[in-house]
Amino acid sequence: MEILMVRQADSDPARGVYGISVAADLVGNAPQNLRLYEARGLVTPARSQGGTRLYSENDLERLRVIGQLLENGLNLAGVNMVLDLQAANERLQEELDDRAASKGDKADSVGP
């Protein structure tokens, strides 16, 4: 009997599904490092009712970025600063996009 594992296209990438050992394997890191990153506020996995850490696809991507930054010579404080700056940049870009869309809506409604 053959079992097919299919990943649903509509699955939520923010939903925690991977335990710490699986998450560590998927990102090529050790579970104790993931615990350290959580303690430093770099990643915040969901928790099951029993308290088990559950990492999402979004968490795994963030852990991969953390690993790349560490490989490039940053320490954890530097990684935290870079991640904060990236988040601020994304918020500002969204704000600019919203303003541009709003201006476009106003120009469309004025007419010739």
N, C-alpha and C. Protein backbone atom coordinates (compact mmCIF):
# COMPACT_ATOMS: atom_id res chain seq x y z
N MET A 1 0.84 -1.18 0.00
CA MET A 1 0.00 0.00 0.00
C MET A 1 0.89 1.23 0.00
N GLU A 2 0.64 2.15 -0.92
CA GLU A 2 1.44 3.36 -1.05
C GLU A 2 0.70 4.52 -0.41
N ILE A 3 1.41 5.27 0.43
CA ILE A 3 0.83 6.43 1.09
C ILE A 3 1.44 7.67 0.44
N LEU A 4 0.58 8.55 0.00
CA LEU A 4 1.03 9.81 -0.60
C LEU A 4 0.87 10.93 0.40
N MET A 5 1.91 11.70 0.55
CA MET A 5 1.85 12.87 1.42
C MET A 5 1.75 14.09 0.52
N VAL A 6 0.66 14.80 0.64
CA VAL A 6 0.42 15.97 -0.19
C VAL A 6 0.28 17.18 0.73
N ARG A 7 1.00 18.20 0.42
CA ARG A 7 0.91 19.43 1.18
C ARG A 7 -0.21 20.27 0.60
N GLN A 8 -1.10 20.69 1.43
CA GLN A 8 -2.23 21.48 0.96
C GLN A 8 -1.77 22.86 0.55
N ALA A 9 -2.26 23.31 -0.59
CA ALA A 9 -1.86 24.62 -1.11
C ALA A 9 -2.40 25.74 -0.24
N ASP A 10 -3.52 25.50 0.44
CA ASP A 10 -4.13 26.56 1.24
C ASP A 10 -3.73 26.49 2.71
N SER A 11 -2.70 25.71 3.05
CA SER A 11 -2.29 25.61 4.45
C SER A 11 -1.71 26.95 4.92
N ASP A 12 -1.87 27.21 6.18
CA ASP A 12 -1.44 28.47 6.78
C ASP A 12 0.04 28.38 7.15
N PRO A 13 0.90 29.21 6.51
CA PRO A 13 2.33 29.14 6.82
C PRO A 13 2.68 29.63 8.23
N ALA A 14 1.71 30.24 8.92
CA ALA A 14 1.96 30.71 10.27
C ALA A 14 1.53 29.69 11.33
N ARG A 15 0.94 28.59 10.91
CA ARG A 15 0.46 27.57 11.84
C ARG A 15 1.61 26.68 12.29
N GLY A 16 1.80 26.56 13.58
CA GLY A 16 2.86 25.73 14.13
C GLY A 16 2.54 24.26 13.99
N VAL A 17 3.41 23.53 13.29
CA VAL A 17 3.17 22.10 13.09
C VAL A 17 4.39 21.23 13.39
N TYR A 18 5.58 21.80 13.41
CA TYR A 18 6.81 21.02 13.58
C TYR A 18 7.32 21.11 15.01
N GLY A 19 7.61 19.95 15.60
CA GLY A 19 8.26 19.95 16.90
C GLY A 19 9.69 20.45 16.78
N ILE A 20 10.32 20.72 17.90
CA ILE A 20 11.64 21.33 17.89
C ILE A 20 12.70 20.46 17.21
N SER A 21 12.64 19.15 17.39
CA SER A 21 13.64 18.28 16.76
C SER A 21 13.50 18.28 15.24
N VAL A 22 12.26 18.22 14.77
CA VAL A 22 12.01 18.23 13.33
C VAL A 22 12.41 19.59 12.75
N ALA A 23 12.02 20.66 13.43
CA ALA A 23 12.35 22.01 12.96
C ALA A 23 13.87 22.19 12.89
N ALA A 24 14.57 21.73 13.91
CA ALA A 24 16.03 21.84 13.92
C ALA A 24 16.64 21.08 12.75
N ASP A 25 16.14 19.88 12.48
CA ASP A 25 16.63 19.11 11.34
C ASP A 25 16.36 19.82 10.02
N LEU A 26 15.17 20.39 9.88
CA LEU A 26 14.79 21.03 8.63
C LEU A 26 15.63 22.26 8.31
N VAL A 27 16.10 22.96 9.35
CA VAL A 27 16.91 24.16 9.12
C VAL A 27 18.40 23.91 9.32
N GLY A 28 18.77 22.67 9.65
CA GLY A 28 20.18 22.34 9.82
C GLY A 28 20.80 22.95 11.06
N ASN A 29 20.08 22.90 12.14
CA ASN A 29 20.56 23.49 13.39
C ASN A 29 20.30 22.51 14.52
N ALA A 30 20.75 22.83 15.70
CA ALA A 30 20.55 21.98 16.86
C ALA A 30 19.38 22.51 17.69
N PRO A 31 18.61 21.62 18.31
CA PRO A 31 17.48 22.07 19.13
C PRO A 31 17.87 23.08 20.20
N GLN A 32 19.04 22.93 20.80
CA GLN A 32 19.43 23.89 21.84
C GLN A 32 19.62 25.29 21.27
N ASN A 33 20.03 25.39 20.00
CA ASN A 33 20.16 26.70 19.39
C ASN A 33 18.78 27.33 19.18
N LEU A 34 17.80 26.53 18.79
CA LEU A 34 16.45 27.05 18.62
C LEU A 34 15.90 27.56 19.95
N ARG A 35 16.20 26.84 21.03
CA ARG A 35 15.80 27.31 22.37
C ARG A 35 16.48 28.63 22.71
N LEU A 36 17.77 28.75 22.37
CA LEU A 36 18.50 29.99 22.62
C LEU A 36 17.90 31.15 21.82
N TYR A 37 17.58 30.90 20.55
CA TYR A 37 16.99 31.95 19.71
C TYR A 37 15.65 32.40 20.28
N GLU A 38 14.89 31.45 20.83
CA GLU A 38 13.63 31.82 21.46
C GLU A 38 13.88 32.65 22.71
N ALA A 39 14.84 32.24 23.51
CA ALA A 39 15.17 32.98 24.74
C ALA A 39 15.62 34.40 24.43
N ARG A 40 16.28 34.60 23.30
CA ARG A 40 16.74 35.93 22.90
C ARG A 40 15.68 36.73 22.14
N GLY A 41 14.51 36.14 21.94
CA GLY A 41 13.42 36.84 21.28
C GLY A 41 13.51 36.87 19.77
N LEU A 42 14.35 36.01 19.19
CA LEU A 42 14.52 36.00 17.73
C LEU A 42 13.42 35.22 17.02
N VAL A 43 12.82 34.27 17.70
CA VAL A 43 11.74 33.47 17.14
C VAL A 43 10.78 33.13 18.27
N THR A 44 9.49 33.07 17.94
CA THR A 44 8.48 32.77 18.95
C THR A 44 7.57 31.67 18.42
N PRO A 45 7.95 30.42 18.64
CA PRO A 45 7.10 29.33 18.16
C PRO A 45 5.79 29.27 18.95
N ALA A 46 4.78 28.70 18.32
CA ALA A 46 3.52 28.46 19.02
C ALA A 46 3.76 27.37 20.06
N ARG A 47 2.81 27.20 20.94
CA ARG A 47 2.89 26.14 21.94
C ARG A 47 1.63 25.29 21.90
N SER A 48 1.81 24.00 22.07
CA SER A 48 0.66 23.11 22.18
C SER A 48 0.06 23.29 23.57
N GLN A 49 -1.08 22.66 23.81
CA GLN A 49 -1.69 22.74 25.14
C GLN A 49 -0.76 22.17 26.20
N GLY A 50 0.07 21.22 25.82
CA GLY A 50 1.02 20.63 26.76
C GLY A 50 2.32 21.42 26.89
N GLY A 51 2.47 22.49 26.12
CA GLY A 51 3.65 23.34 26.21
C GLY A 51 4.75 23.02 25.20
N THR A 52 4.49 22.08 24.31
CA THR A 52 5.49 21.72 23.29
C THR A 52 5.62 22.84 22.27
N ARG A 53 6.85 23.19 21.93
CA ARG A 53 7.08 24.20 20.89
C ARG A 53 6.64 23.65 19.55
N LEU A 54 5.91 24.47 18.80
CA LEU A 54 5.46 24.09 17.47
C LEU A 54 5.88 25.18 16.48
N TYR A 55 6.77 24.81 15.57
CA TYR A 55 7.32 25.76 14.61
C TYR A 55 6.53 25.72 13.30
N SER A 56 6.27 26.90 12.75
CA SER A 56 5.54 27.04 11.50
C SER A 56 6.52 27.17 10.33
N GLU A 57 5.98 27.17 9.12
CA GLU A 57 6.82 27.42 7.94
C GLU A 57 7.45 28.81 8.04
N ASN A 58 6.70 29.79 8.54
CA ASN A 58 7.25 31.13 8.73
C ASN A 58 8.41 31.12 9.72
N ASP A 59 8.24 30.36 10.80
CA ASP A 59 9.33 30.23 11.78
C ASP A 59 10.56 29.59 11.15
N LEU A 60 10.34 28.56 10.33
CA LEU A 60 11.48 27.89 9.68
C LEU A 60 12.21 28.86 8.76
N GLU A 61 11.49 29.67 8.02
CA GLU A 61 12.12 30.65 7.14
C GLU A 61 12.93 31.65 7.97
N ARG A 62 12.36 32.10 9.08
CA ARG A 62 13.08 33.04 9.96
C ARG A 62 14.34 32.37 10.53
N LEU A 63 14.25 31.11 10.90
CA LEU A 63 15.42 30.39 11.42
C LEU A 63 16.50 30.25 10.35
N ARG A 64 16.09 30.06 9.10
CA ARG A 64 17.07 29.99 8.00
C ARG A 64 17.77 31.33 7.83
N VAL A 65 17.02 32.43 7.93
CA VAL A 65 17.62 33.77 7.82
C VAL A 65 18.59 33.99 8.98
N ILE A 66 18.19 33.61 10.17
CA ILE A 66 19.07 33.74 11.34
C ILE A 66 20.36 32.97 11.09
N GLY A 67 20.25 31.75 10.59
CA GLY A 67 21.44 30.95 10.30
C GLY A 67 22.35 31.61 9.28
N GLN A 68 21.76 32.20 8.24
CA GLN A 68 22.56 32.89 7.21
C GLN A 68 23.28 34.09 7.80
N LEU A 69 22.59 34.85 8.62
CA LEU A 69 23.21 36.03 9.23
C LEU A 69 24.35 35.62 10.16
N LEU A 70 24.15 34.56 10.92
CA LEU A 70 25.22 34.07 11.80
C LEU A 70 26.41 33.58 10.99
N GLU A 71 26.14 32.89 9.88
CA GLU A 71 27.23 32.43 9.01
C GLU A 71 28.01 33.60 8.42
N ASN A 72 27.33 34.72 8.23
CA ASN A 72 27.98 35.91 7.68
C ASN A 72 28.73 36.72 8.73
N GLY A 73 28.77 36.22 9.97
CA GLY A 73 29.60 36.84 10.99
C GLY A 73 28.89 37.70 12.01
N LEU A 74 27.57 37.82 11.93
CA LEU A 74 26.86 38.61 12.93
C LEU A 74 26.71 37.80 14.21
N ASN A 75 26.67 38.51 15.33
CA ASN A 75 26.35 37.85 16.59
C ASN A 75 24.83 37.94 16.79
N LEU A 76 24.30 37.36 17.85
CA LEU A 76 22.86 37.34 18.05
C LEU A 76 22.27 38.74 18.22
N ALA A 77 23.00 39.64 18.83
CA ALA A 77 22.51 41.01 18.96
C ALA A 77 22.40 41.66 17.57
N GLY A 78 23.39 41.43 16.74
CA GLY A 78 23.35 41.96 15.37
C GLY A 78 22.23 41.35 14.57
N VAL A 79 22.01 40.05 14.72
CA VAL A 79 20.91 39.38 14.03
C VAL A 79 19.59 40.01 14.44
N ASN A 80 19.41 40.25 15.74
CA ASN A 80 18.19 40.86 16.24
C ASN A 80 17.98 42.24 15.61
N MET A 81 19.03 43.02 15.52
CA MET A 81 18.92 44.36 14.92
C MET A 81 18.55 44.27 13.45
N VAL A 82 19.16 43.37 12.72
CA VAL A 82 18.85 43.21 11.29
C VAL A 82 17.40 42.79 11.11
N LEU A 83 16.93 41.84 11.90
CA LEU A 83 15.55 41.38 11.79
C LEU A 83 14.57 42.50 12.12
N ASP A 84 14.89 43.30 13.15
CA ASP A 84 14.03 44.44 13.49
C ASP A 84 14.00 45.45 12.35
N LEU A 85 15.15 45.73 11.75
CA LEU A 85 15.20 46.67 10.63
C LEU A 85 14.43 46.15 9.42
N GLN A 86 14.54 44.86 9.15
CA GLN A 86 13.79 44.27 8.04
C GLN A 86 12.29 44.39 8.27
N ALA A 87 11.85 44.14 9.50
CA ALA A 87 10.42 44.25 9.82
C ALA A 87 9.95 45.70 9.68
N ALA A 88 10.76 46.65 10.15
CA ALA A 88 10.40 48.07 10.02
C ALA A 88 10.34 48.46 8.55
N ASN A 89 11.28 47.98 7.76
CA ASN A 89 11.29 48.27 6.33
C ASN A 89 10.04 47.73 5.65
N GLU A 90 9.63 46.52 6.00
CA GLU A 90 8.43 45.93 5.43
C GLU A 90 7.19 46.74 5.79
N ARG A 91 7.10 47.20 7.06
CA ARG A 91 5.96 48.02 7.47
C ARG A 91 5.93 49.33 6.69
N LEU A 92 7.08 49.98 6.54
CA LEU A 92 7.14 51.23 5.79
C LEU A 92 6.77 51.02 4.32
N GLN A 93 7.22 49.91 3.73
CA GLN A 93 6.88 49.64 2.34
C GLN A 93 5.38 49.43 2.17
N GLU A 94 4.77 48.73 3.12
CA GLU A 94 3.33 48.53 3.07
C GLU A 94 2.60 49.87 3.17
N GLU A 95 3.09 50.74 4.04
CA GLU A 95 2.49 52.07 4.20
C GLU A 95 2.60 52.87 2.90
N LEU A 96 3.76 52.82 2.27
CA LEU A 96 3.94 53.52 0.99
C LEU A 96 3.02 52.94 -0.08
N ASP A 97 2.92 51.63 -0.12
CA ASP A 97 2.04 50.98 -1.09
C ASP A 97 0.59 51.38 -0.86
N ASP A 98 0.17 51.45 0.41
CA ASP A 98 -1.20 51.85 0.73
C ASP A 98 -1.45 53.29 0.31
N ARG A 99 -0.49 54.17 0.55
CA ARG A 99 -0.64 55.58 0.16
C ARG A 99 -0.71 55.71 -1.36
N ALA A 100 0.13 54.97 -2.06
CA ALA A 100 0.12 55.02 -3.52
C ALA A 100 -1.21 54.51 -4.06
N ALA A 101 -1.73 53.45 -3.48
CA ALA A 101 -3.02 52.91 -3.91
C ALA A 101 -4.15 53.90 -3.61
N SER A 102 -4.05 54.55 -2.47
CA SER A 102 -5.06 55.54 -2.10
C SER A 102 -5.04 56.73 -3.06
N LYS A 103 -3.88 57.20 -3.42
CA LYS A 103 -3.76 58.30 -4.38
C LYS A 103 -4.29 57.88 -5.75
N GLY A 104 -4.03 56.64 -6.13
CA GLY A 104 -4.52 56.12 -7.40
C GLY A 104 -6.04 56.06 -7.41
N ASP A 105 -6.65 55.68 -6.28
CA ASP A 105 -8.11 55.62 -6.17
C ASP A 105 -8.71 57.01 -6.28
N LYS A 106 -8.08 58.00 -5.65
CA LYS A 106 -8.57 59.38 -5.71
C LYS A 106 -8.47 59.92 -7.13
N ALA A 107 -7.38 59.63 -7.82
CA ALA A 107 -7.19 60.12 -9.20
C ALA A 107 -8.21 59.48 -10.12
N ASP A 108 -8.54 58.22 -9.88
CA ASP A 108 -9.52 57.53 -10.71
C ASP A 108 -10.91 58.09 -10.51
N SER A 109 -11.23 58.52 -9.29
CA SER A 109 -12.57 58.99 -8.99
C SER A 109 -12.79 60.44 -9.44
N VAL A 110 -11.74 61.20 -9.68
CA VAL A 110 -11.87 62.60 -10.08
C VAL A 110 -12.38 62.67 -11.51
N GLY A 111 -11.84 61.88 -12.38
CA GLY A 111 -12.29 61.82 -13.77
C GLY A 111 -11.82 63.03 -14.58
N PRO A 112 -12.03 63.01 -15.91
CA PRO A 112 -11.55 64.10 -16.77
C PRO A 112 -12.43 65.31 -16.77
